[in-house]
Amino acid sequence: MSMPTSPSSAGAPAVPVTGNAVAIKNFAFSPATLKVKVGTTVTWTNQDADAHTVTSAGPGGPLHSAALATHATYSYTFTKPGTYAYLCTIHPFMTATVEVA
């Protein structure tokens, strides 16, 4: 008789994290999904040696940082509920989301 195995967490979708800080490290935004309340100011900090941006995915989004050097930060206050997808325009494979409720 074989023992049941628990499902692996590998490949599972990212669980949304609450807070107000996003680290940019190892060419990724961490957490990949951040949940905040309306009125929260989120701050991104670049911990990589390469420059990165925080830019809304698609036209008309509110996130538009300059290129962030190492240890530079960018902050934005979310005033409306919604899901805000963003990316690094220098490295477009770097994507993440802020969910505002």
N, C-alpha and C. Protein backbone atom coordinates (compact mmCIF):
# COMPACT_ATOMS: atom_id res chain seq x y z
N MET A 1 0.85 -1.18 0.00
CA MET A 1 0.00 0.00 0.00
C MET A 1 0.89 1.23 0.00
N SER A 2 0.62 2.18 -0.90
CA SER A 2 1.45 3.37 -0.95
C SER A 2 0.86 4.45 -0.06
N MET A 3 1.77 5.25 0.45
CA MET A 3 1.36 6.35 1.33
C MET A 3 0.92 7.52 0.46
N PRO A 4 -0.15 8.22 0.86
CA PRO A 4 -0.54 9.41 0.10
C PRO A 4 0.54 10.49 0.19
N THR A 5 0.70 11.19 -0.88
CA THR A 5 1.68 12.26 -0.88
C THR A 5 0.96 13.60 -0.84
N SER A 6 1.60 14.54 -0.20
CA SER A 6 1.00 15.87 -0.16
C SER A 6 1.37 16.61 -1.44
N PRO A 7 0.50 17.50 -1.88
CA PRO A 7 0.83 18.22 -3.12
C PRO A 7 2.06 19.10 -2.93
N SER A 8 2.83 19.17 -3.96
CA SER A 8 4.04 19.99 -3.93
C SER A 8 3.67 21.45 -4.11
N SER A 9 4.41 22.32 -3.46
CA SER A 9 4.16 23.75 -3.63
C SER A 9 4.86 24.29 -4.87
N ALA A 10 5.69 23.49 -5.49
CA ALA A 10 6.39 23.95 -6.70
C ALA A 10 5.37 24.20 -7.80
N GLY A 11 5.47 25.33 -8.44
CA GLY A 11 4.56 25.65 -9.52
C GLY A 11 3.24 26.21 -9.05
N ALA A 12 3.03 26.30 -7.74
CA ALA A 12 1.78 26.86 -7.22
C ALA A 12 1.78 28.37 -7.44
N PRO A 13 0.59 28.96 -7.62
CA PRO A 13 0.56 30.41 -7.79
C PRO A 13 1.04 31.11 -6.54
N ALA A 14 1.60 32.29 -6.72
CA ALA A 14 2.11 33.06 -5.58
C ALA A 14 0.94 33.46 -4.69
N VAL A 15 1.12 33.27 -3.41
CA VAL A 15 0.10 33.67 -2.44
C VAL A 15 0.26 35.16 -2.19
N PRO A 16 -0.83 35.93 -2.29
CA PRO A 16 -0.69 37.37 -2.06
C PRO A 16 -0.19 37.66 -0.65
N VAL A 17 0.65 38.67 -0.53
CA VAL A 17 1.23 39.07 0.73
C VAL A 17 0.71 40.46 1.06
N THR A 18 0.46 40.72 2.35
CA THR A 18 0.07 42.06 2.75
C THR A 18 1.29 42.80 3.26
N GLY A 19 1.24 44.11 3.24
CA GLY A 19 2.36 44.93 3.67
C GLY A 19 2.41 46.18 2.83
N ASN A 20 3.56 46.86 2.82
CA ASN A 20 3.66 48.06 2.01
C ASN A 20 5.05 48.20 1.38
N ALA A 21 5.80 47.10 1.30
CA ALA A 21 7.15 47.17 0.74
C ALA A 21 7.35 46.04 -0.26
N VAL A 22 8.04 46.39 -1.36
CA VAL A 22 8.39 45.41 -2.38
C VAL A 22 9.90 45.51 -2.59
N ALA A 23 10.57 44.38 -2.50
CA ALA A 23 12.01 44.34 -2.77
C ALA A 23 12.21 43.96 -4.23
N ILE A 24 13.17 44.61 -4.85
CA ILE A 24 13.57 44.24 -6.21
C ILE A 24 14.93 43.58 -6.06
N LYS A 25 14.94 42.25 -6.20
CA LYS A 25 16.20 41.52 -6.03
C LYS A 25 16.19 40.26 -6.89
N ASN A 26 17.37 39.87 -7.33
CA ASN A 26 17.53 38.69 -8.19
C ASN A 26 16.62 38.78 -9.41
N PHE A 27 16.49 40.00 -9.97
CA PHE A 27 15.69 40.24 -11.16
C PHE A 27 14.24 39.79 -10.97
N ALA A 28 13.68 40.12 -9.80
CA ALA A 28 12.28 39.80 -9.51
C ALA A 28 11.74 40.80 -8.50
N PHE A 29 10.42 41.00 -8.53
CA PHE A 29 9.74 41.79 -7.51
C PHE A 29 9.27 40.83 -6.42
N SER A 30 9.55 41.16 -5.17
CA SER A 30 9.19 40.28 -4.07
C SER A 30 8.49 41.08 -2.98
N PRO A 31 7.21 40.79 -2.70
CA PRO A 31 6.42 39.68 -3.25
C PRO A 31 5.91 39.98 -4.66
N ALA A 32 5.58 38.91 -5.37
CA ALA A 32 5.08 39.06 -6.73
C ALA A 32 3.64 39.59 -6.72
N THR A 33 2.90 39.31 -5.66
CA THR A 33 1.55 39.85 -5.50
C THR A 33 1.44 40.44 -4.11
N LEU A 34 1.13 41.73 -4.05
CA LEU A 34 1.00 42.44 -2.78
C LEU A 34 -0.44 42.92 -2.64
N LYS A 35 -1.06 42.67 -1.46
CA LYS A 35 -2.43 43.12 -1.20
C LYS A 35 -2.36 44.28 -0.21
N VAL A 36 -2.99 45.41 -0.58
CA VAL A 36 -3.01 46.58 0.30
C VAL A 36 -4.41 47.17 0.33
N LYS A 37 -4.64 48.04 1.30
CA LYS A 37 -5.90 48.77 1.39
C LYS A 37 -5.75 50.10 0.66
N VAL A 38 -6.88 50.66 0.21
CA VAL A 38 -6.88 51.99 -0.41
C VAL A 38 -6.21 52.97 0.55
N GLY A 39 -5.37 53.83 0.01
CA GLY A 39 -4.66 54.81 0.84
C GLY A 39 -3.27 54.39 1.26
N THR A 40 -2.88 53.14 0.94
CA THR A 40 -1.56 52.63 1.31
C THR A 40 -0.50 53.15 0.36
N THR A 41 0.62 53.59 0.91
CA THR A 41 1.78 53.95 0.11
C THR A 41 2.71 52.75 0.07
N VAL A 42 2.99 52.26 -1.13
CA VAL A 42 3.89 51.12 -1.32
C VAL A 42 5.24 51.67 -1.77
N THR A 43 6.31 51.12 -1.19
CA THR A 43 7.67 51.54 -1.55
C THR A 43 8.44 50.36 -2.11
N TRP A 44 8.99 50.55 -3.29
CA TRP A 44 9.85 49.56 -3.94
C TRP A 44 11.29 49.95 -3.69
N THR A 45 12.15 48.98 -3.36
CA THR A 45 13.57 49.24 -3.14
C THR A 45 14.39 48.31 -4.02
N ASN A 46 15.26 48.89 -4.84
CA ASN A 46 16.11 48.09 -5.71
C ASN A 46 17.30 47.56 -4.93
N GLN A 47 17.37 46.23 -4.79
CA GLN A 47 18.48 45.58 -4.10
C GLN A 47 19.44 44.89 -5.07
N ASP A 48 19.20 45.07 -6.37
CA ASP A 48 20.08 44.51 -7.38
C ASP A 48 21.17 45.51 -7.77
N ALA A 49 22.23 45.00 -8.39
CA ALA A 49 23.28 45.87 -8.90
C ALA A 49 22.84 46.55 -10.20
N ASP A 50 21.90 45.95 -10.93
CA ASP A 50 21.39 46.52 -12.16
C ASP A 50 20.23 47.47 -11.87
N ALA A 51 20.03 48.44 -12.75
CA ALA A 51 18.90 49.36 -12.62
C ALA A 51 17.60 48.66 -13.02
N HIS A 52 16.49 49.08 -12.39
CA HIS A 52 15.16 48.55 -12.70
C HIS A 52 14.16 49.68 -12.65
N THR A 53 12.99 49.47 -13.29
CA THR A 53 11.90 50.43 -13.19
C THR A 53 10.68 49.75 -12.59
N VAL A 54 9.76 50.57 -12.12
CA VAL A 54 8.43 50.12 -11.69
C VAL A 54 7.46 50.86 -12.60
N THR A 55 6.89 50.14 -13.56
CA THR A 55 6.08 50.77 -14.60
C THR A 55 4.80 49.96 -14.81
N SER A 56 3.66 50.66 -14.81
CA SER A 56 2.38 49.99 -15.04
C SER A 56 2.40 49.23 -16.36
N ALA A 57 1.81 48.04 -16.34
CA ALA A 57 1.65 47.25 -17.56
C ALA A 57 0.43 47.80 -18.29
N GLY A 58 0.59 48.14 -19.54
CA GLY A 58 -0.52 48.70 -20.29
C GLY A 58 -0.57 50.21 -20.16
N PRO A 59 -1.27 50.87 -21.08
CA PRO A 59 -1.31 52.33 -21.08
C PRO A 59 -2.18 52.88 -19.96
N GLY A 60 -1.84 54.05 -19.50
CA GLY A 60 -2.68 54.77 -18.56
C GLY A 60 -2.53 54.38 -17.10
N GLY A 61 -1.62 53.47 -16.80
CA GLY A 61 -1.44 53.07 -15.41
C GLY A 61 -0.69 54.12 -14.61
N PRO A 62 -0.81 54.08 -13.29
CA PRO A 62 -0.23 55.15 -12.46
C PRO A 62 1.25 54.99 -12.12
N LEU A 63 1.82 53.82 -12.34
CA LEU A 63 3.20 53.58 -11.89
C LEU A 63 4.19 53.92 -12.99
N HIS A 64 5.08 54.87 -12.70
CA HIS A 64 6.06 55.33 -13.70
C HIS A 64 7.33 55.79 -12.98
N SER A 65 8.15 54.85 -12.55
CA SER A 65 9.39 55.26 -11.89
C SER A 65 10.47 55.54 -12.93
N ALA A 66 11.45 56.32 -12.52
CA ALA A 66 12.67 56.44 -13.31
C ALA A 66 13.45 55.14 -13.10
N ALA A 67 14.55 54.98 -13.82
CA ALA A 67 15.42 53.82 -13.59
C ALA A 67 15.99 53.95 -12.18
N LEU A 68 15.81 52.91 -11.39
CA LEU A 68 16.26 52.92 -9.99
C LEU A 68 17.63 52.28 -9.88
N ALA A 69 18.60 53.03 -9.42
CA ALA A 69 19.93 52.49 -9.17
C ALA A 69 19.88 51.61 -7.91
N THR A 70 20.97 50.93 -7.61
CA THR A 70 21.03 50.10 -6.41
C THR A 70 20.69 50.94 -5.17
N HIS A 71 19.82 50.40 -4.34
CA HIS A 71 19.33 51.00 -3.08
C HIS A 71 18.37 52.17 -3.29
N ALA A 72 18.08 52.54 -4.52
CA ALA A 72 17.11 53.61 -4.76
C ALA A 72 15.70 53.09 -4.49
N THR A 73 14.79 54.03 -4.18
CA THR A 73 13.41 53.64 -3.88
C THR A 73 12.44 54.43 -4.75
N TYR A 74 11.24 53.87 -4.88
CA TYR A 74 10.13 54.52 -5.57
C TYR A 74 8.89 54.23 -4.74
N SER A 75 8.07 55.25 -4.50
CA SER A 75 6.85 55.07 -3.71
C SER A 75 5.65 55.57 -4.49
N TYR A 76 4.51 54.92 -4.25
CA TYR A 76 3.25 55.33 -4.86
C TYR A 76 2.13 55.05 -3.87
N THR A 77 1.20 56.01 -3.72
CA THR A 77 0.03 55.83 -2.86
C THR A 77 -1.16 55.44 -3.71
N PHE A 78 -1.74 54.28 -3.41
CA PHE A 78 -2.87 53.75 -4.16
C PHE A 78 -4.17 54.33 -3.58
N THR A 79 -4.89 55.10 -4.40
CA THR A 79 -6.08 55.80 -3.93
C THR A 79 -7.38 55.18 -4.43
N LYS A 80 -7.30 54.18 -5.33
CA LYS A 80 -8.50 53.54 -5.88
C LYS A 80 -8.33 52.04 -5.82
N PRO A 81 -9.41 51.31 -5.50
CA PRO A 81 -9.32 49.85 -5.52
C PRO A 81 -9.11 49.32 -6.93
N GLY A 82 -8.49 48.18 -7.03
CA GLY A 82 -8.26 47.55 -8.33
C GLY A 82 -7.03 46.68 -8.29
N THR A 83 -6.72 46.08 -9.42
CA THR A 83 -5.53 45.25 -9.57
C THR A 83 -4.57 45.99 -10.49
N TYR A 84 -3.38 46.25 -9.99
CA TYR A 84 -2.39 47.04 -10.71
C TYR A 84 -1.22 46.13 -11.10
N ALA A 85 -1.17 45.75 -12.37
CA ALA A 85 -0.06 44.94 -12.89
C ALA A 85 1.07 45.89 -13.29
N TYR A 86 2.30 45.47 -13.02
CA TYR A 86 3.44 46.31 -13.38
C TYR A 86 4.62 45.45 -13.78
N LEU A 87 5.62 46.12 -14.35
CA LEU A 87 6.81 45.42 -14.82
C LEU A 87 8.00 46.36 -14.78
N CYS A 88 9.17 45.79 -15.06
CA CYS A 88 10.39 46.57 -15.24
C CYS A 88 10.56 46.75 -16.74
N THR A 89 10.60 48.00 -17.22
CA THR A 89 10.72 48.21 -18.67
C THR A 89 12.09 47.83 -19.20
N ILE A 90 13.09 47.78 -18.33
CA ILE A 90 14.43 47.38 -18.75
C ILE A 90 14.50 45.85 -18.89
N HIS A 91 13.79 45.16 -18.01
CA HIS A 91 13.75 43.69 -18.00
C HIS A 91 12.28 43.26 -17.98
N PRO A 92 11.59 43.26 -19.13
CA PRO A 92 10.13 43.06 -19.15
C PRO A 92 9.65 41.70 -18.65
N PHE A 93 10.56 40.75 -18.44
CA PHE A 93 10.17 39.47 -17.86
C PHE A 93 9.88 39.62 -16.36
N MET A 94 10.28 40.74 -15.78
CA MET A 94 10.02 41.00 -14.36
C MET A 94 8.63 41.62 -14.24
N THR A 95 7.68 40.86 -13.72
CA THR A 95 6.31 41.34 -13.59
C THR A 95 5.78 41.05 -12.19
N ALA A 96 4.82 41.85 -11.77
CA ALA A 96 4.20 41.66 -10.45
C ALA A 96 2.86 42.40 -10.43
N THR A 97 2.16 42.30 -9.29
CA THR A 97 0.83 42.89 -9.17
C THR A 97 0.63 43.45 -7.76
N VAL A 98 -0.07 44.59 -7.70
CA VAL A 98 -0.57 45.10 -6.42
C VAL A 98 -2.08 45.03 -6.49
N GLU A 99 -2.71 44.38 -5.50
CA GLU A 99 -4.16 44.29 -5.40
C GLU A 99 -4.62 45.24 -4.31
N VAL A 100 -5.44 46.23 -4.69
CA VAL A 100 -5.90 47.26 -3.77
C VAL A 100 -7.38 47.06 -3.49
N ALA A 101 -7.73 46.95 -2.20
CA ALA A 101 -9.13 46.76 -1.82
C ALA A 101 -9.59 47.86 -0.88
